[in-house]
Protein backbone atom coordinates (compact mmCIF):
# COMPACT_ATOMS: atom_id res chain seq x y z
CA UNK A 1 -7.39 21.14 31.95
CA UNK A 2 -7.25 20.94 28.19
CA UNK A 3 -9.44 23.18 26.12
CA UNK A 4 -12.71 21.60 24.90
CA UNK A 5 -12.66 20.27 21.35
CA UNK A 6 -14.46 22.60 19.00
CA UNK A 7 -16.90 21.03 16.59
CA UNK A 8 -18.41 22.11 13.29
CA UNK A 9 -21.70 21.27 11.61
CA UNK A 10 -21.73 19.41 8.31
CA UNK A 11 -24.30 17.36 6.42
CA UNK A 12 -23.40 13.82 5.36
CA UNK A 13 -25.80 11.92 3.11
CA UNK A 14 -28.62 14.31 4.08
CA UNK A 15 -27.99 13.81 7.79
CA UNK A 16 -26.80 16.79 9.89
CA UNK A 17 -23.85 15.87 12.12
CA UNK A 18 -21.15 17.57 14.16
CA UNK A 19 -17.49 16.59 13.84
CA UNK A 20 -14.30 17.89 15.49
CA UNK A 21 -12.83 20.97 13.85
CA UNK A 22 -9.79 20.21 11.67
CA UNK A 23 -10.54 16.58 10.84
CA UNK A 24 -10.46 15.30 7.29
CA UNK A 25 -13.63 14.11 5.63
CA UNK A 26 -12.29 10.55 5.79
CA UNK A 27 -11.81 10.82 9.56
CA UNK A 28 -15.29 12.26 9.89
CA UNK A 29 -16.86 9.51 7.77
CA UNK A 30 -15.08 6.77 9.70
CA UNK A 31 -16.19 8.27 13.00
CA UNK A 32 -19.76 8.07 11.68
CA UNK A 33 -19.31 4.41 10.71
CA UNK A 34 -19.37 5.06 6.95
CA UNK A 35 -17.13 2.52 5.20
CA UNK A 36 -14.99 4.50 2.75
CA UNK A 37 -12.55 2.61 0.51
CA UNK A 38 -8.90 3.67 0.53
CA UNK A 39 -5.75 2.28 -1.08
CA UNK A 40 -3.09 4.99 -0.89
CA UNK A 41 -4.07 6.25 2.57
CA UNK A 42 -2.38 5.24 5.82
CA UNK A 43 -2.73 7.01 9.15
CA UNK A 44 1.06 7.18 9.63
CA UNK A 45 1.81 8.64 6.18
CA UNK A 46 1.12 11.99 4.52
CA UNK A 47 -1.92 11.76 2.19
CA UNK A 48 -0.92 11.93 -1.47
CA UNK A 49 -4.38 11.69 -3.11
CA UNK A 50 -3.38 9.27 -5.87
CA UNK A 51 -5.72 6.26 -5.71
CA UNK A 52 -8.95 8.30 -5.89
CA UNK A 53 -11.16 5.53 -4.48
CA UNK A 54 -12.00 7.61 -1.40
CA UNK A 55 -13.56 10.46 -3.40
CA UNK A 56 -16.82 12.00 -2.24
CA UNK A 57 -19.14 14.63 -3.66
CA UNK A 58 -19.12 18.04 -1.97
CA UNK A 59 -21.82 20.56 -2.78
CA UNK A 60 -20.38 23.47 -4.75
CA UNK A 61 -17.25 21.60 -5.80
CA UNK A 62 -16.80 21.07 -9.53
CA UNK A 63 -14.91 17.81 -9.12
CA UNK A 64 -15.12 14.96 -6.66
CA UNK A 65 -12.73 15.50 -3.75
CA UNK A 66 -10.40 13.01 -2.01
CA UNK A 67 -11.77 12.55 1.48
CA UNK A 68 -8.37 11.47 2.85
CA UNK A 69 -6.95 15.00 2.59
CA UNK A 70 -9.91 17.40 2.31
CA UNK A 71 -10.68 19.03 5.64
CA UNK A 72 -14.25 19.25 6.84
CA UNK A 73 -15.59 22.80 6.82
CA UNK A 74 -18.51 24.44 8.57
CA UNK A 75 -21.72 23.97 6.57
CA UNK A 76 -20.19 21.48 4.12
CA UNK A 77 -22.68 19.17 2.40
CA UNK A 78 -21.19 15.77 1.54
CA UNK A 79 -22.53 12.81 -0.43
CA UNK A 80 -20.66 9.52 -0.03
CA UNK A 81 -22.76 7.21 -2.18
CA UNK A 82 -24.14 9.32 -5.02
CA UNK A 83 -24.19 8.16 -8.63
CA UNK A 84 -21.07 10.22 -9.40
CA UNK A 85 -19.20 8.76 -6.46
CA UNK A 86 -20.16 5.16 -7.23
CA UNK A 87 -19.28 5.54 -10.91
CA UNK A 88 -15.88 7.08 -10.13
CA UNK A 89 -14.97 4.40 -7.59
CA UNK A 90 -16.13 1.63 -9.91
CA UNK A 91 -14.04 2.91 -12.81
CA UNK A 92 -10.92 3.33 -10.67
CA UNK A 93 -11.25 -0.23 -9.38
CA UNK A 94 -11.83 -1.57 -12.89
CA UNK A 95 -8.79 0.22 -14.30
CA UNK A 96 -6.62 -1.03 -11.45
CA UNK A 97 -7.95 -4.56 -11.76
CA UNK A 98 -7.35 -4.68 -15.50
CA UNK A 99 -3.75 -3.46 -15.28
CA UNK A 100 -2.42 -4.80 -11.97
CA UNK A 101 -2.39 -8.19 -10.26
CA UNK A 102 -4.57 -7.57 -7.20
CA UNK A 103 -4.81 -11.18 -6.07
CA UNK A 104 -2.93 -10.45 -2.82
CA UNK A 105 -4.49 -7.09 -2.06
CA UNK A 106 -6.65 -8.48 0.74
CA UNK A 107 -10.34 -9.15 1.34
CA UNK A 108 -11.33 -5.49 1.64
CA UNK A 109 -10.53 -4.80 -2.00
CA UNK A 110 -12.54 -7.82 -3.11
CA UNK A 111 -15.44 -6.53 -1.04
CA UNK A 112 -15.23 -3.09 -2.68
CA UNK A 113 -15.07 -4.69 -6.12
CA UNK A 114 -18.29 -6.51 -5.34
CA UNK A 115 -19.98 -3.46 -3.79
CA UNK A 116 -19.37 -1.27 -6.84
CA UNK A 117 -19.89 -4.10 -9.35
CA UNK A 118 -16.46 -3.50 -10.85
CA UNK A 119 -15.69 -5.68 -13.87
CA UNK A 120 -12.04 -5.30 -14.97
CA UNK A 121 -12.50 -7.99 -17.63
CA UNK A 122 -14.59 -5.62 -19.75
CA UNK A 123 -11.37 -4.03 -20.99
CA UNK A 124 -10.35 -7.29 -22.63
CA UNK A 125 -7.78 -10.01 -21.93
CA UNK A 126 -4.46 -8.88 -20.44
CA UNK A 127 -1.61 -7.94 -22.75
CA UNK A 128 1.54 -10.10 -22.62
CA UNK A 129 3.93 -9.38 -19.76
CA UNK A 130 6.85 -7.07 -20.47
CA UNK A 131 10.33 -8.58 -20.55
CA UNK A 132 12.70 -7.84 -17.68
CA UNK A 133 13.91 -4.24 -17.76
CA UNK A 134 11.55 -3.03 -20.48
CA UNK A 135 9.40 -0.85 -18.21
CA UNK A 136 12.52 0.47 -16.46
CA UNK A 137 13.84 1.67 -19.81
CA UNK A 138 10.68 3.54 -20.85
CA UNK A 139 11.22 7.23 -21.63
CA UNK A 140 8.68 9.87 -20.67
CA UNK A 141 6.78 11.15 -23.68
CA UNK A 142 7.67 8.22 -25.95
CA UNK A 143 4.41 6.31 -26.21
CA UNK A 144 3.21 3.79 -28.77
CA UNK A 145 -0.33 3.22 -29.94
CA UNK A 146 -1.93 0.59 -27.68
CA UNK A 147 -3.30 -2.70 -28.91
CA UNK A 148 -7.03 -2.22 -28.41
CA UNK A 149 -7.62 -5.98 -28.43
CA UNK A 150 -5.96 -6.43 -25.04
CA UNK A 151 -5.85 -4.58 -21.72
CA UNK A 152 -2.57 -2.81 -21.05
CA UNK A 153 -0.98 -3.89 -17.80
CA UNK A 154 2.21 -3.65 -15.76
CA UNK A 155 3.04 -7.36 -15.77
CA UNK A 156 6.77 -8.02 -15.59
CA UNK A 157 9.21 -10.46 -13.93
CA UNK A 158 9.78 -10.22 -10.20
CA UNK A 159 12.89 -8.27 -9.21
CA UNK A 160 15.09 -10.39 -6.94
CA UNK A 161 18.46 -8.73 -6.32
CA UNK A 162 19.03 -9.31 -2.61
CA UNK A 163 18.30 -11.85 0.13
CA UNK A 164 15.94 -9.71 2.21
CA UNK A 165 12.98 -8.65 0.07
CA UNK A 166 11.67 -8.82 -3.47
CA UNK A 167 9.86 -6.32 -5.68
CA UNK A 168 6.95 -7.68 -7.70
CA UNK A 169 5.88 -4.58 -9.60
CA UNK A 170 3.24 -6.50 -11.53
CA UNK A 171 1.26 -5.95 -8.31
CA UNK A 172 2.10 -2.25 -7.89
CA UNK A 173 -0.79 0.25 -7.99
CA UNK A 174 1.49 3.31 -7.58
CA UNK A 175 -0.03 4.25 -4.25
CA UNK A 176 3.25 6.04 -3.31
CA UNK A 177 3.17 4.56 0.21
CA UNK A 178 6.62 2.99 -0.22
CA UNK A 179 8.03 6.29 -1.48
CA UNK A 180 6.59 8.17 1.49
CA UNK A 181 7.88 5.58 3.99
CA UNK A 182 11.34 5.62 2.40
CA UNK A 183 11.30 9.42 2.41
CA UNK A 184 10.24 12.12 4.84
CA UNK A 185 7.50 10.18 6.64
CA UNK A 186 9.75 7.52 8.12
CA UNK A 187 13.23 6.57 6.96
CA UNK A 188 14.53 9.69 5.16
CA UNK A 189 16.64 7.50 2.89
CA UNK A 190 15.01 8.48 -0.43
CA UNK A 191 16.20 5.31 -2.15
CA UNK A 192 13.11 5.08 -4.35
CA UNK A 193 10.88 7.51 -6.21
CA UNK A 194 8.37 7.58 -9.05
CA UNK A 195 9.97 7.53 -12.49
CA UNK A 196 8.29 8.01 -15.86
CA UNK A 197 4.91 9.48 -16.71
CA UNK A 198 1.47 8.22 -17.59
CA UNK A 199 1.17 4.47 -17.94
CA UNK A 200 4.97 4.20 -17.95
CA UNK A 201 5.16 5.58 -14.41
CA UNK A 202 6.79 3.13 -12.00
CA UNK A 203 8.60 2.95 -8.67
CA UNK A 204 12.32 3.01 -9.27
CA UNK A 205 15.70 3.36 -7.60
CA UNK A 206 18.02 6.06 -8.90
CA UNK A 207 18.74 5.22 -12.57
CA UNK A 208 16.93 1.89 -12.03
CA UNK A 209 20.02 0.34 -10.41
CA UNK A 210 19.62 -2.85 -8.33
CA UNK A 211 18.77 -2.32 -4.67
CA UNK A 212 22.25 -3.49 -3.75
CA UNK A 213 23.71 -0.49 -5.61
CA UNK A 214 21.12 2.02 -4.38
CA UNK A 215 20.74 4.09 -1.23
CA UNK A 216 18.46 1.43 0.28
CA UNK A 217 19.27 0.55 3.91
CA UNK A 218 16.93 -2.49 3.93
CA UNK A 219 14.73 -1.26 6.75
CA UNK A 220 11.80 -2.83 4.93
CA UNK A 221 9.41 -0.04 5.85
CA UNK A 222 8.24 -0.04 2.24
CA UNK A 223 7.14 -3.64 2.80
CA UNK A 224 5.19 -2.67 5.89
CA UNK A 225 3.02 -0.15 4.04
CA UNK A 226 2.51 -1.92 0.69
CA UNK A 227 -1.21 -2.76 0.28
CA UNK A 228 -1.00 -5.23 -2.62
CA UNK A 229 1.91 -7.59 -1.99
CA UNK A 230 4.20 -5.88 -4.48
CA UNK A 231 6.88 -5.73 -1.79
CA UNK A 232 7.38 -8.78 0.42
CA UNK A 233 10.20 -10.39 2.40
CA UNK A 234 12.11 -12.89 0.30
CA UNK A 235 11.28 -15.69 2.72
CA UNK A 236 7.58 -15.05 2.20
CA UNK A 237 8.04 -14.86 -1.57
CA UNK A 238 9.94 -18.16 -1.66
CA UNK A 239 7.36 -19.89 0.53
CA UNK A 240 4.50 -18.63 -1.63
CA UNK A 241 6.26 -19.82 -4.76
CA UNK A 242 6.75 -23.29 -3.28
CA UNK A 243 3.22 -23.43 -1.89
CA UNK A 244 4.43 -23.61 1.72
CA UNK A 245 3.02 -20.25 2.82
CA UNK A 246 -0.15 -20.70 4.88
CA UNK A 247 -1.35 -17.62 6.76
CA UNK A 248 -4.12 -19.68 8.40
CA UNK A 249 -1.49 -21.75 10.20
CA UNK A 250 0.46 -18.75 11.44
CA UNK A 251 0.37 -17.26 14.92
CA UNK A 252 1.35 -13.66 15.71
CA UNK A 253 3.21 -12.90 18.92
CA UNK A 254 3.96 -9.37 20.05
CA UNK A 255 7.31 -8.77 21.71
CA UNK A 256 10.04 -6.14 22.09
CA UNK A 257 13.10 -5.93 19.86
CA UNK A 258 16.30 -6.71 21.81
CA UNK A 259 18.84 -5.09 19.50
CA UNK A 260 18.85 -1.67 21.20
CA UNK A 261 17.09 0.30 23.91
CA UNK A 262 14.53 2.13 21.79
CA UNK A 263 11.81 -0.38 22.62
CA UNK A 264 10.35 -1.12 19.20
CA UNK A 265 7.49 -3.60 19.29
CA UNK A 266 7.66 -6.57 16.97
CA UNK A 267 4.98 -8.91 15.70
CA UNK A 268 6.48 -12.34 15.06
CA UNK A 269 4.58 -14.33 12.43
CA UNK A 270 5.29 -17.97 13.19
CA UNK A 271 4.44 -20.99 11.05
CA UNK A 272 5.40 -24.51 12.14
CA UNK A 273 7.71 -23.21 14.90
CA UNK A 274 9.59 -20.98 12.46
CA UNK A 275 9.51 -17.19 12.25
CA UNK A 276 8.48 -16.44 8.68
CA UNK A 277 7.95 -12.68 8.89
CA UNK A 278 8.31 -9.76 11.30
CA UNK A 279 6.06 -6.70 11.31
CA UNK A 280 5.40 -3.89 13.76
CA UNK A 281 1.99 -2.69 15.00
CA UNK A 282 0.77 0.56 13.47
CA UNK A 283 -0.64 1.71 16.81
CA UNK A 284 2.69 1.48 18.66
CA UNK A 285 3.78 5.01 19.59
CA UNK A 286 7.48 4.18 19.22
CA UNK A 287 7.51 2.61 15.77
CA UNK A 288 4.19 3.57 14.14
CA UNK A 289 4.66 0.36 12.16
CA UNK A 290 8.25 1.12 11.11
CA UNK A 291 11.42 -0.81 11.94
CA UNK A 292 15.11 -0.92 11.06
CA UNK A 293 16.91 -3.73 9.24
CA UNK A 294 17.70 -5.51 12.50
CA UNK A 295 14.17 -5.46 13.82
CA UNK A 296 12.56 -6.58 10.57
CA UNK A 297 15.09 -9.05 9.24
CA UNK A 298 17.49 -9.90 12.07
CA UNK A 299 15.68 -12.93 13.46
CA UNK A 300 17.51 -15.80 11.79
CA UNK A 301 19.67 -16.45 14.85
CA UNK A 302 16.68 -17.78 16.78
CA UNK A 303 15.66 -20.31 14.14
CA UNK A 304 16.13 -24.00 14.71
CA UNK A 305 18.53 -25.23 12.05
CA UNK A 306 19.50 -28.63 10.82
CA UNK A 307 23.15 -29.49 11.31
CA UNK A 308 23.87 -29.23 7.60
CA UNK A 309 22.45 -25.73 7.48
CA UNK A 310 24.70 -24.67 10.37
CA UNK A 311 27.73 -25.88 8.49
CA UNK A 312 28.35 -28.66 11.01
């Protein structure tokens, strides 16, 4: 028999509750049914505390604390919807919305924007997009006075340097999920990292070289964890650009990858009898949402091709 789970007493929004010892505040809040926004958090990755939308107020703490990494402690008094919490979450969402294209971030973000009455437009119209390579060439510490008439943003051309996936950093919120998945939490390739500082911070390969010249092994695990559509398979990107992408018409079928004997589960996204994307379920104990290059991209051989496309 396993030992009984020890619990601790905490107070959440003036209600005394008991939660398992060792859980984070976010886990405790979710177990209580309290909807807490998150952007940089994922159950399969190490918390990095960068998005700050999950912050809560803890009695005795000078600053708001990130609930995704702060452990619940005996006697802790937590407020999840105080004026400080609402103001902090609203401002974070407004700053993100004014500087990043969040149009593909999903319905949850739109719901949070509405809940906290976030208005990114109050910072002014967006500044012109940067030319290709300009943000990659920024040097830490070399900043110029901003144009106060417009809202600074990270708009830039999409990076397309391979046939498997594209990087649209105009949509990047620097949640670090891709870095964690490429690093110790999944692939251990370390092909990407955060370069620069302040508003010039960006996700980059070593020396900003193209992916084809980097350490990238094209597992696509960065795609699987990206919350805003900054990283997508090239097929999806091309279909979206042409207007052919229609998620409402897609079916998802769960199957097992046939390339090796590990047993990775795949989710085949099919539109009009064509596989358009492959993902892996986060709750699968073999993959935890991660795949290799074969599992994520090696499906073209099953596609029905016209004779001309087969070279016949």
